[in-house]
């Protein structure tokens, strides 16, 4: 009986000890596993963030708009209506209803091109349209590219450049004629002048090519706001690459491979989701664009919808694109991509303290997660950069104090 009592006592003691140890381990687990490290965010980039429009309300808006489109469809042929729906989406998503826009398909079987001119006219040649009409993203890129020429004031700049090219080409033609008919001594003088004129011409053509690259870049943001996929823009240039083409120093358009690389780089810069949200908000707050048939029979007018009489479109800088992308990564806890993009933004503008401040936040966060002292030193490096740029900023002063406190704890 004594042995049985002793055995029961030992078992009870063991079970109590095990229970206590289990509870202690659970408490330790709770104190570590459920403690989250909060990232800092004074929300100085909130102006860059446009939240998604309420899905239910947006769909109701689209349904109401679709009823209005039926009357417009009756006024246009199928190709014109296809063009209208894509261009209308671009106009509304980018707040471009400040003036009437003229658009049409120009009949030509061989000239695979599109153009922007006469202040508000966009034409897509039938040779190009018929090749891509069933790819809405491709058509959207072409129209966005031509729209970008207007928004970036290329139409005025290119008109002046082309005028100067014509003048120089006329002068060059005369010099070549006199060079052939003159003595050998005078011929050298003429050839020297011809060389100088060719250099001037090459510079002017280079400016035209640069504007094409700029229009390609801006077109990516324009079409992304309208909800089209910018990844498919490259397909248009790949189509151009299949066409017979000889690139020279006097080409008005860049090499197609250069354009593809330029577009791909731009796609990596933008935040597609943010642009799409911005475009949806603009569409939600606008009305269906009405039309008027033109007297020339192949174009039609997209009527202005707002009282605005000036172009209020502002192209985002590369710095802004990088900051927007970095901040969204930061909000999504992707610290690696956030750090990469904030660093690139700071390289573009070393007078802006904000990326440096957030780089300090990121490295502090990484330190608290990993206890890697190198991360804390990086946080200190960036907050010192920010302090030099904006000594009186309260967010910077607080972060500097926090980083100093952490460093002091390590040094004790």
Protein backbone atom coordinates (compact mmCIF):
# COMPACT_ATOMS: atom_id res chain seq x y z
CA UNK A 1 0.00 0.00 0.00
CA UNK A 2 2.86 2.36 0.88
CA UNK A 3 4.54 1.55 -2.42
CA UNK A 4 1.35 2.34 -4.35
CA UNK A 5 0.96 5.68 -2.53
CA UNK A 6 4.60 6.58 -3.21
CA UNK A 7 4.24 5.74 -6.90
CA UNK A 8 1.08 7.87 -7.19
CA UNK A 9 2.83 10.80 -5.52
CA UNK A 10 5.81 10.59 -7.92
CA UNK A 11 3.49 10.49 -10.96
CA UNK A 12 1.55 13.51 -9.68
CA UNK A 13 4.75 15.45 -9.06
CA UNK A 14 6.05 14.61 -12.54
CA UNK A 15 2.80 15.63 -14.23
CA UNK A 16 2.78 18.98 -12.38
CA UNK A 17 6.38 19.64 -13.36
CA UNK A 18 5.68 18.77 -16.98
CA UNK A 19 2.59 21.00 -16.96
CA UNK A 20 4.60 23.93 -15.54
CA UNK A 21 7.35 23.47 -18.13
CA UNK A 22 4.75 23.32 -20.90
CA UNK A 23 3.15 26.51 -19.70
CA UNK A 24 6.50 28.23 -19.44
CA UNK A 25 7.40 27.23 -23.00
CA UNK A 26 4.03 28.45 -24.22
CA UNK A 27 4.60 31.82 -22.55
CA UNK A 28 8.02 32.11 -24.16
CA UNK A 29 6.51 31.19 -27.53
CA UNK A 30 3.76 33.78 -27.12
CA UNK A 31 6.23 36.49 -26.18
CA UNK A 32 8.31 35.99 -29.34
CA UNK A 33 6.07 34.58 -32.04
CA UNK A 34 3.27 37.11 -31.60
CA UNK A 35 5.41 40.18 -31.13
CA UNK A 36 5.39 42.07 -34.44
CA UNK A 37 7.83 44.76 -35.46
CA UNK A 38 5.98 47.79 -36.75
CA UNK A 39 7.47 49.72 -39.63
CA UNK A 40 7.50 53.49 -39.41
CA UNK A 41 5.50 55.58 -41.83
CA UNK A 42 4.90 59.32 -41.38
CA UNK A 43 2.86 59.10 -44.61
CA UNK A 44 4.76 61.81 -46.48
CA UNK A 45 4.16 59.86 -49.72
CA UNK A 46 0.39 59.58 -49.31
CA UNK A 47 -0.06 62.13 -52.08
CA UNK A 48 1.31 59.54 -54.52
CA UNK A 49 -1.18 56.86 -53.48
CA UNK A 50 -4.62 56.64 -55.09
CA UNK A 51 -6.82 53.96 -53.57
CA UNK A 52 -8.85 51.61 -55.71
CA UNK A 53 -12.35 52.89 -56.52
CA UNK A 54 -15.13 50.96 -54.80
CA UNK A 55 -15.69 47.96 -57.12
CA UNK A 56 -19.47 47.89 -56.82
CA UNK A 57 -19.86 51.62 -57.49
CA UNK A 58 -17.35 51.45 -60.36
CA UNK A 59 -19.23 48.59 -62.04
CA UNK A 60 -22.48 50.51 -61.66
CA UNK A 61 -20.82 53.48 -63.36
CA UNK A 62 -19.54 51.30 -66.21
CA UNK A 63 -22.99 49.75 -66.68
CA UNK A 64 -24.55 53.21 -66.93
CA UNK A 65 -21.86 54.29 -69.41
CA UNK A 66 -22.43 51.19 -71.59
CA UNK A 67 -26.03 52.27 -72.16
CA UNK A 68 -24.79 55.61 -73.52
CA UNK A 69 -22.31 53.94 -75.88
CA UNK A 70 -25.10 52.27 -77.88
CA UNK A 71 -26.24 55.57 -79.41
CA UNK A 72 -22.65 56.44 -80.39
CA UNK A 73 -22.13 53.01 -81.96
CA UNK A 74 -24.97 53.73 -84.39
CA UNK A 75 -23.09 56.78 -85.72
CA UNK A 76 -19.81 54.99 -86.56
CA UNK A 77 -18.69 52.00 -88.60
CA UNK A 78 -17.17 49.03 -86.76
CA UNK A 79 -13.54 50.12 -87.12
CA UNK A 80 -14.31 53.68 -86.10
CA UNK A 81 -16.24 52.46 -83.07
CA UNK A 82 -13.37 50.16 -82.05
CA UNK A 83 -11.03 53.15 -82.30
CA UNK A 84 -13.48 55.36 -80.41
CA UNK A 85 -13.86 53.00 -77.43
CA UNK A 86 -10.09 52.66 -76.97
CA UNK A 87 -9.36 56.36 -77.42
CA UNK A 88 -12.31 57.39 -75.23
CA UNK A 89 -10.93 55.25 -72.41
CA UNK A 90 -7.50 56.88 -72.81
CA UNK A 91 -8.96 60.40 -72.78
CA UNK A 92 -11.06 59.89 -69.66
CA UNK A 93 -8.47 57.91 -67.70
CA UNK A 94 -5.91 60.68 -68.23
CA UNK A 95 -8.20 63.73 -67.77
CA UNK A 96 -7.70 64.88 -71.36
CA UNK A 97 -11.20 66.20 -72.06
CA UNK A 98 -9.89 69.77 -72.12
CA UNK A 99 -10.35 70.12 -75.89
CA UNK A 100 -11.95 68.46 -78.92
CA UNK A 101 -9.86 65.64 -80.36
CA UNK A 102 -10.02 64.55 -83.99
CA UNK A 103 -9.23 60.94 -84.80
CA UNK A 104 -9.52 58.70 -87.82
CA UNK A 105 -8.20 55.92 -90.02
CA UNK A 106 -6.36 57.14 -93.10
CA UNK A 107 -6.59 54.85 -96.11
CA UNK A 108 -3.18 53.69 -97.31
CA UNK A 109 -2.16 50.13 -98.13
CA UNK A 110 1.59 50.55 -97.77
CA UNK A 111 2.49 53.25 -95.21
CA UNK A 112 2.48 51.42 -91.86
CA UNK A 113 2.37 54.44 -89.57
CA UNK A 114 0.35 56.77 -87.35
CA UNK A 115 0.73 60.51 -86.82
CA UNK A 116 -0.14 63.44 -84.57
CA UNK A 117 -0.55 66.90 -85.98
CA UNK A 118 -2.58 70.08 -86.42
CA UNK A 119 -2.98 70.63 -82.67
CA UNK A 120 -5.64 67.95 -82.10
CA UNK A 121 -5.54 65.40 -84.95
CA UNK A 122 -4.47 61.76 -84.56
CA UNK A 123 -4.45 59.53 -87.61
CA UNK A 124 -3.67 55.84 -87.79
CA UNK A 125 -3.00 54.58 -91.29
CA UNK A 126 -5.14 51.64 -92.42
CA UNK A 127 -1.97 49.65 -93.19
CA UNK A 128 -1.11 49.78 -89.49
CA UNK A 129 -4.64 49.60 -88.08
CA UNK A 130 -5.58 46.53 -90.15
CA UNK A 131 -2.45 44.78 -88.86
CA UNK A 132 -3.24 45.29 -85.16
CA UNK A 133 -6.99 46.10 -84.92
CA UNK A 134 -7.79 42.90 -82.96
CA UNK A 135 -5.14 43.64 -80.31
CA UNK A 136 -6.62 46.39 -78.13
CA UNK A 137 -3.37 46.81 -76.14
CA UNK A 138 -1.43 47.37 -79.37
CA UNK A 139 -3.94 49.94 -80.66
CA UNK A 140 -3.93 51.64 -77.24
CA UNK A 141 -0.14 51.94 -77.34
CA UNK A 142 -0.17 53.51 -80.82
CA UNK A 143 -2.84 56.04 -79.82
CA UNK A 144 -1.11 56.75 -76.48
CA UNK A 145 2.19 57.30 -78.30
CA UNK A 146 0.63 59.88 -80.61
CA UNK A 147 -1.22 61.50 -77.71
CA UNK A 148 2.11 61.75 -75.85
CA UNK A 149 3.51 63.85 -78.70
CA UNK A 150 0.79 66.43 -77.99
CA UNK A 151 1.15 66.30 -74.22
CA UNK A 152 4.94 66.68 -74.35
CA UNK A 153 4.67 69.54 -76.87
CA UNK A 154 6.50 67.51 -79.52
CA UNK A 155 4.20 68.61 -82.34
CA UNK A 156 5.37 72.22 -82.07
CA UNK A 157 9.02 71.28 -81.52
CA UNK A 158 9.12 68.81 -84.40
CA UNK A 159 7.49 71.33 -86.77
CA UNK A 160 10.38 73.74 -86.13
CA UNK A 161 12.97 70.98 -86.48
CA UNK A 162 11.49 69.75 -89.77
CA UNK A 163 11.43 73.33 -91.08
CA UNK A 164 15.14 73.69 -90.29
CA UNK A 165 15.88 70.30 -91.84
CA UNK A 166 14.16 71.34 -95.07
CA UNK A 167 16.20 74.55 -95.17
CA UNK A 168 19.48 72.70 -94.61
CA UNK A 169 18.60 69.97 -97.13
CA UNK A 170 17.88 72.64 -99.77
CA UNK A 171 21.18 74.35 -99.02
CA UNK A 172 23.00 71.01 -99.10
CA UNK A 173 21.57 70.19 -102.50
CA UNK A 174 22.91 73.48 -103.88
CA UNK A 175 26.37 72.95 -102.41
CA UNK A 176 26.59 69.46 -103.91
CA UNK A 177 25.70 70.86 -107.32
CA UNK A 178 28.36 73.59 -107.13
CA UNK A 179 30.94 71.14 -105.77
CA UNK A 180 30.60 68.97 -108.89
CA UNK A 181 30.84 71.86 -111.34
CA UNK A 182 33.66 73.81 -109.63
CA UNK A 183 37.44 73.54 -109.82
CA UNK A 184 39.27 71.09 -107.57
CA UNK A 185 40.37 73.94 -105.26
CA UNK A 186 36.83 75.24 -104.76
CA UNK A 187 35.52 71.70 -104.55
CA UNK A 188 37.40 71.18 -101.26
CA UNK A 189 35.79 74.30 -99.83
CA UNK A 190 32.34 73.07 -100.85
CA UNK A 191 32.99 69.60 -99.45
CA UNK A 192 33.97 71.14 -96.11
CA UNK A 193 30.71 73.11 -96.05
CA UNK A 194 28.77 69.97 -96.99
CA UNK A 195 30.35 68.10 -94.06
CA UNK A 196 29.37 70.90 -91.66
CA UNK A 197 25.77 70.87 -92.93
CA UNK A 198 25.55 67.08 -92.56
CA UNK A 199 26.66 67.36 -88.93
CA UNK A 200 23.90 69.93 -88.29
CA UNK A 201 21.34 67.73 -90.02
CA UNK A 202 22.35 64.68 -88.01
CA UNK A 203 21.85 66.64 -84.79
CA UNK A 204 18.34 67.68 -85.85
CA UNK A 205 17.38 64.12 -86.79
CA UNK A 206 18.75 62.94 -83.45
CA UNK A 207 16.35 65.34 -81.69
CA UNK A 208 13.44 63.81 -83.62
CA UNK A 209 14.52 60.31 -82.57
CA UNK A 210 14.81 61.41 -78.93
CA UNK A 211 11.23 62.71 -79.05
CA UNK A 212 10.03 59.34 -80.34
CA UNK A 213 11.69 57.61 -77.39
CA UNK A 214 10.11 60.12 -74.99
CA UNK A 215 6.68 59.50 -76.55
CA UNK A 216 7.15 55.73 -76.20
CA UNK A 217 7.95 56.15 -72.50
CA UNK A 218 4.99 58.41 -71.73
CA UNK A 219 2.65 56.18 -73.74
CA UNK A 220 3.29 53.38 -71.24
CA UNK A 221 1.82 55.43 -68.36
CA UNK A 222 -1.02 56.78 -70.53
CA UNK A 223 -2.21 53.32 -71.61
CA UNK A 224 -1.70 51.83 -68.12
CA UNK A 225 -4.05 54.44 -66.61
CA UNK A 226 -6.64 53.45 -69.20
CA UNK A 227 -6.43 49.83 -68.04
CA UNK A 228 -4.49 48.45 -71.00
CA UNK A 229 -1.52 46.14 -70.52
CA UNK A 230 1.76 48.02 -71.20
CA UNK A 231 3.63 44.71 -71.44
CA UNK A 232 2.03 44.23 -74.86
CA UNK A 233 3.34 47.55 -76.21
CA UNK A 234 6.53 45.81 -77.28
CA UNK A 235 4.52 43.69 -79.75
CA UNK A 236 3.90 46.80 -81.88
CA UNK A 237 7.61 47.57 -82.20
CA UNK A 238 8.35 43.89 -82.86
CA UNK A 239 5.87 44.13 -85.73
CA UNK A 240 7.73 47.19 -87.06
CA UNK A 241 10.97 45.21 -86.85
CA UNK A 242 9.59 42.75 -89.43
CA UNK A 243 9.05 45.54 -91.97
CA UNK A 244 11.77 46.54 -94.48
CA UNK A 245 13.61 49.45 -92.89
CA UNK A 246 17.06 51.01 -93.15
CA UNK A 247 18.21 53.04 -90.14
CA UNK A 248 20.58 55.90 -90.88
CA UNK A 249 21.81 59.02 -89.10
CA UNK A 250 18.99 60.81 -90.94
CA UNK A 251 16.18 58.55 -89.70
CA UNK A 252 13.36 60.30 -87.85
CA UNK A 253 12.66 57.19 -85.74
CA UNK A 254 15.10 55.24 -83.56
CA UNK A 255 16.24 51.70 -84.20
CA UNK A 256 13.46 49.26 -83.20
CA UNK A 257 15.68 47.37 -80.77
CA UNK A 258 16.48 50.66 -79.04
CA UNK A 259 12.76 51.37 -78.77
CA UNK A 260 12.07 47.91 -77.31
CA UNK A 261 14.79 48.36 -74.67
CA UNK A 262 13.48 51.85 -73.88
CA UNK A 263 9.91 50.58 -73.43
CA UNK A 264 11.00 47.60 -71.33
CA UNK A 265 12.97 49.89 -69.02
CA UNK A 266 9.97 52.19 -68.63
CA UNK A 267 7.67 49.28 -67.79
CA UNK A 268 10.04 48.30 -64.98
CA UNK A 269 9.81 51.88 -63.62
CA UNK A 270 6.05 52.34 -63.39
CA UNK A 271 3.64 51.00 -60.78
CA UNK A 272 0.88 49.54 -62.96
CA UNK A 273 -1.61 49.06 -60.16
CA UNK A 274 -1.34 52.67 -58.95
CA UNK A 275 -1.74 54.02 -62.49
CA UNK A 276 -4.75 51.78 -63.06
CA UNK A 277 -6.32 53.03 -59.80
CA UNK A 278 -5.70 56.62 -60.89
CA UNK A 279 -7.30 55.96 -64.27
CA UNK A 280 -10.36 54.29 -62.75
CA UNK A 281 -10.85 57.23 -60.39
CA UNK A 282 -10.71 59.62 -63.35
CA UNK A 283 -13.17 57.52 -65.38
CA UNK A 284 -15.52 57.24 -62.38
CA UNK A 285 -15.59 61.03 -62.08
CA UNK A 286 -16.12 61.71 -65.80
CA UNK A 287 -18.85 61.20 -68.36
CA UNK A 288 -18.94 59.36 -71.68
CA UNK A 289 -17.25 61.41 -74.41
CA UNK A 290 -19.71 62.31 -77.16
CA UNK A 291 -18.76 62.54 -80.84
CA UNK A 292 -19.40 64.52 -83.99
CA UNK A 293 -18.84 63.20 -87.51
CA UNK A 294 -16.30 65.28 -89.44
CA UNK A 295 -16.95 66.73 -92.87
CA UNK A 296 -13.87 64.92 -94.27
CA UNK A 297 -15.79 61.60 -93.85
CA UNK A 298 -12.90 59.55 -92.40
CA UNK A 299 -12.29 61.33 -89.09
CA UNK A 300 -14.62 62.11 -86.21
CA UNK A 301 -14.47 64.56 -83.29
CA UNK A 302 -14.27 63.53 -79.63
CA UNK A 303 -16.04 66.44 -77.96
CA UNK A 304 -14.54 68.29 -75.00
CA UNK A 305 -16.36 67.40 -71.77
CA UNK A 306 -14.96 69.84 -69.25
CA UNK A 307 -14.67 73.60 -68.89
CA UNK A 308 -10.90 73.27 -68.90
CA UNK A 309 -9.31 75.07 -71.80
CA UNK A 310 -5.69 74.23 -71.04
CA UNK A 311 -3.67 71.03 -71.02
CA UNK A 312 -3.26 70.18 -67.32
CA UNK A 313 -1.45 66.89 -67.94
CA UNK A 314 1.84 66.58 -66.05
CA UNK A 315 4.21 63.75 -66.93
CA UNK A 316 5.70 61.99 -63.90
CA UNK A 317 9.47 62.19 -63.56
CA UNK A 318 11.55 59.02 -63.21
CA UNK A 319 12.15 60.03 -59.60
CA UNK A 320 8.41 60.15 -58.89
CA UNK A 321 7.86 56.78 -60.58
CA UNK A 322 10.59 55.17 -58.49
CA UNK A 323 9.32 56.72 -55.23
CA UNK A 324 5.76 55.56 -55.95
CA UNK A 325 6.96 52.04 -56.68
CA UNK A 326 9.28 51.99 -53.65
CA UNK A 327 6.58 53.24 -51.28
CA UNK A 328 4.09 50.62 -52.45
CA UNK A 329 6.71 47.91 -51.89
CA UNK A 330 7.30 49.38 -48.43
CA UNK A 331 3.59 49.23 -47.59
CA UNK A 332 3.54 45.60 -48.80
CA UNK A 333 6.54 44.74 -46.54
CA UNK A 334 8.79 43.95 -49.50
CA UNK A 335 11.80 45.70 -47.96
CA UNK A 336 14.28 44.42 -50.52
CA UNK A 337 12.47 46.00 -53.49
CA UNK A 338 11.59 49.09 -51.46
CA UNK A 339 15.25 49.65 -50.61
CA UNK A 340 16.31 49.11 -54.22
CA UNK A 341 13.82 51.63 -55.65
CA UNK A 342 14.30 54.27 -52.92
CA UNK A 343 18.07 54.04 -53.52
CA UNK A 344 17.60 54.58 -57.27
CA UNK A 345 15.29 57.53 -56.57
CA UNK A 346 17.88 59.11 -54.30
CA UNK A 347 20.55 58.70 -56.99
CA UNK A 348 18.36 60.69 -59.39
CA UNK A 349 17.82 63.52 -56.92
CA UNK A 350 20.27 63.75 -54.04
CA UNK A 351 18.55 66.88 -52.70
CA UNK A 352 15.35 65.06 -51.72
CA UNK A 353 15.57 63.91 -48.09
CA UNK A 354 12.47 61.66 -48.20
CA UNK A 355 14.01 58.56 -49.85
CA UNK A 356 16.96 58.78 -47.43
CA UNK A 357 14.56 58.89 -44.46
CA UNK A 358 12.71 55.80 -45.65
CA UNK A 359 15.97 54.01 -46.37
CA UNK A 360 16.80 54.58 -42.70
CA UNK A 361 13.40 53.15 -41.70
CA UNK A 362 13.94 50.09 -43.90
CA UNK A 363 17.38 49.33 -42.51
CA UNK A 364 16.20 49.86 -38.92
CA UNK A 365 13.31 47.46 -39.57
CA UNK A 366 15.70 44.89 -41.06
CA UNK A 367 18.00 45.26 -38.04
CA UNK A 368 15.17 44.67 -35.57
CA UNK A 369 14.15 41.55 -37.52
CA UNK A 370 17.65 40.12 -37.89
CA UNK A 371 19.81 41.88 -35.24
CA UNK A 372 22.38 42.38 -38.01
CA UNK A 373 24.46 45.36 -36.83
CA UNK A 374 25.36 46.22 -40.44
CA UNK A 375 21.69 47.05 -41.03
CA UNK A 376 21.67 49.42 -38.05
CA UNK A 377 24.80 51.13 -39.34
CA UNK A 378 23.11 51.54 -42.73
CA UNK A 379 20.09 53.05 -40.97
CA UNK A 380 22.44 55.51 -39.28
CA UNK A 381 24.17 56.31 -42.57
CA UNK A 382 20.89 57.20 -44.27
CA UNK A 383 19.46 59.25 -41.42
CA UNK A 384 22.63 61.35 -41.42
CA UNK A 385 22.15 61.93 -45.16
CA UNK A 386 18.56 62.99 -44.54
CA UNK A 387 19.60 65.27 -41.64
CA UNK A 388 22.04 67.17 -43.84
CA UNK A 389 19.32 67.79 -46.42
CA UNK A 390 16.58 68.81 -43.97
CA UNK A 391 17.99 69.57 -40.48
CA UNK A 392 14.72 70.87 -39.00
CA UNK A 393 12.40 68.06 -40.13
CA UNK A 394 10.63 66.49 -37.11
CA UNK A 395 10.46 62.98 -38.60
CA UNK A 396 14.20 63.04 -39.27
CA UNK A 397 14.99 64.29 -35.74
CA UNK A 398 12.87 61.51 -34.20
CA UNK A 399 14.48 58.83 -36.37
CA UNK A 400 17.96 60.13 -35.57
CA UNK A 401 17.12 59.91 -31.85
CA UNK A 402 15.82 56.33 -32.23
CA UNK A 403 18.87 55.15 -34.17
CA UNK A 404 21.24 56.80 -31.67
CA UNK A 405 19.42 55.02 -28.84
CA UNK A 406 19.83 51.63 -30.53
CA UNK A 407 23.50 52.27 -31.19
CA UNK A 408 24.07 53.24 -27.55
CA UNK A 409 22.49 49.97 -26.38
CA UNK A 410 24.89 47.99 -28.55
CA UNK A 411 27.94 49.96 -27.34
CA UNK A 412 27.18 49.43 -23.65
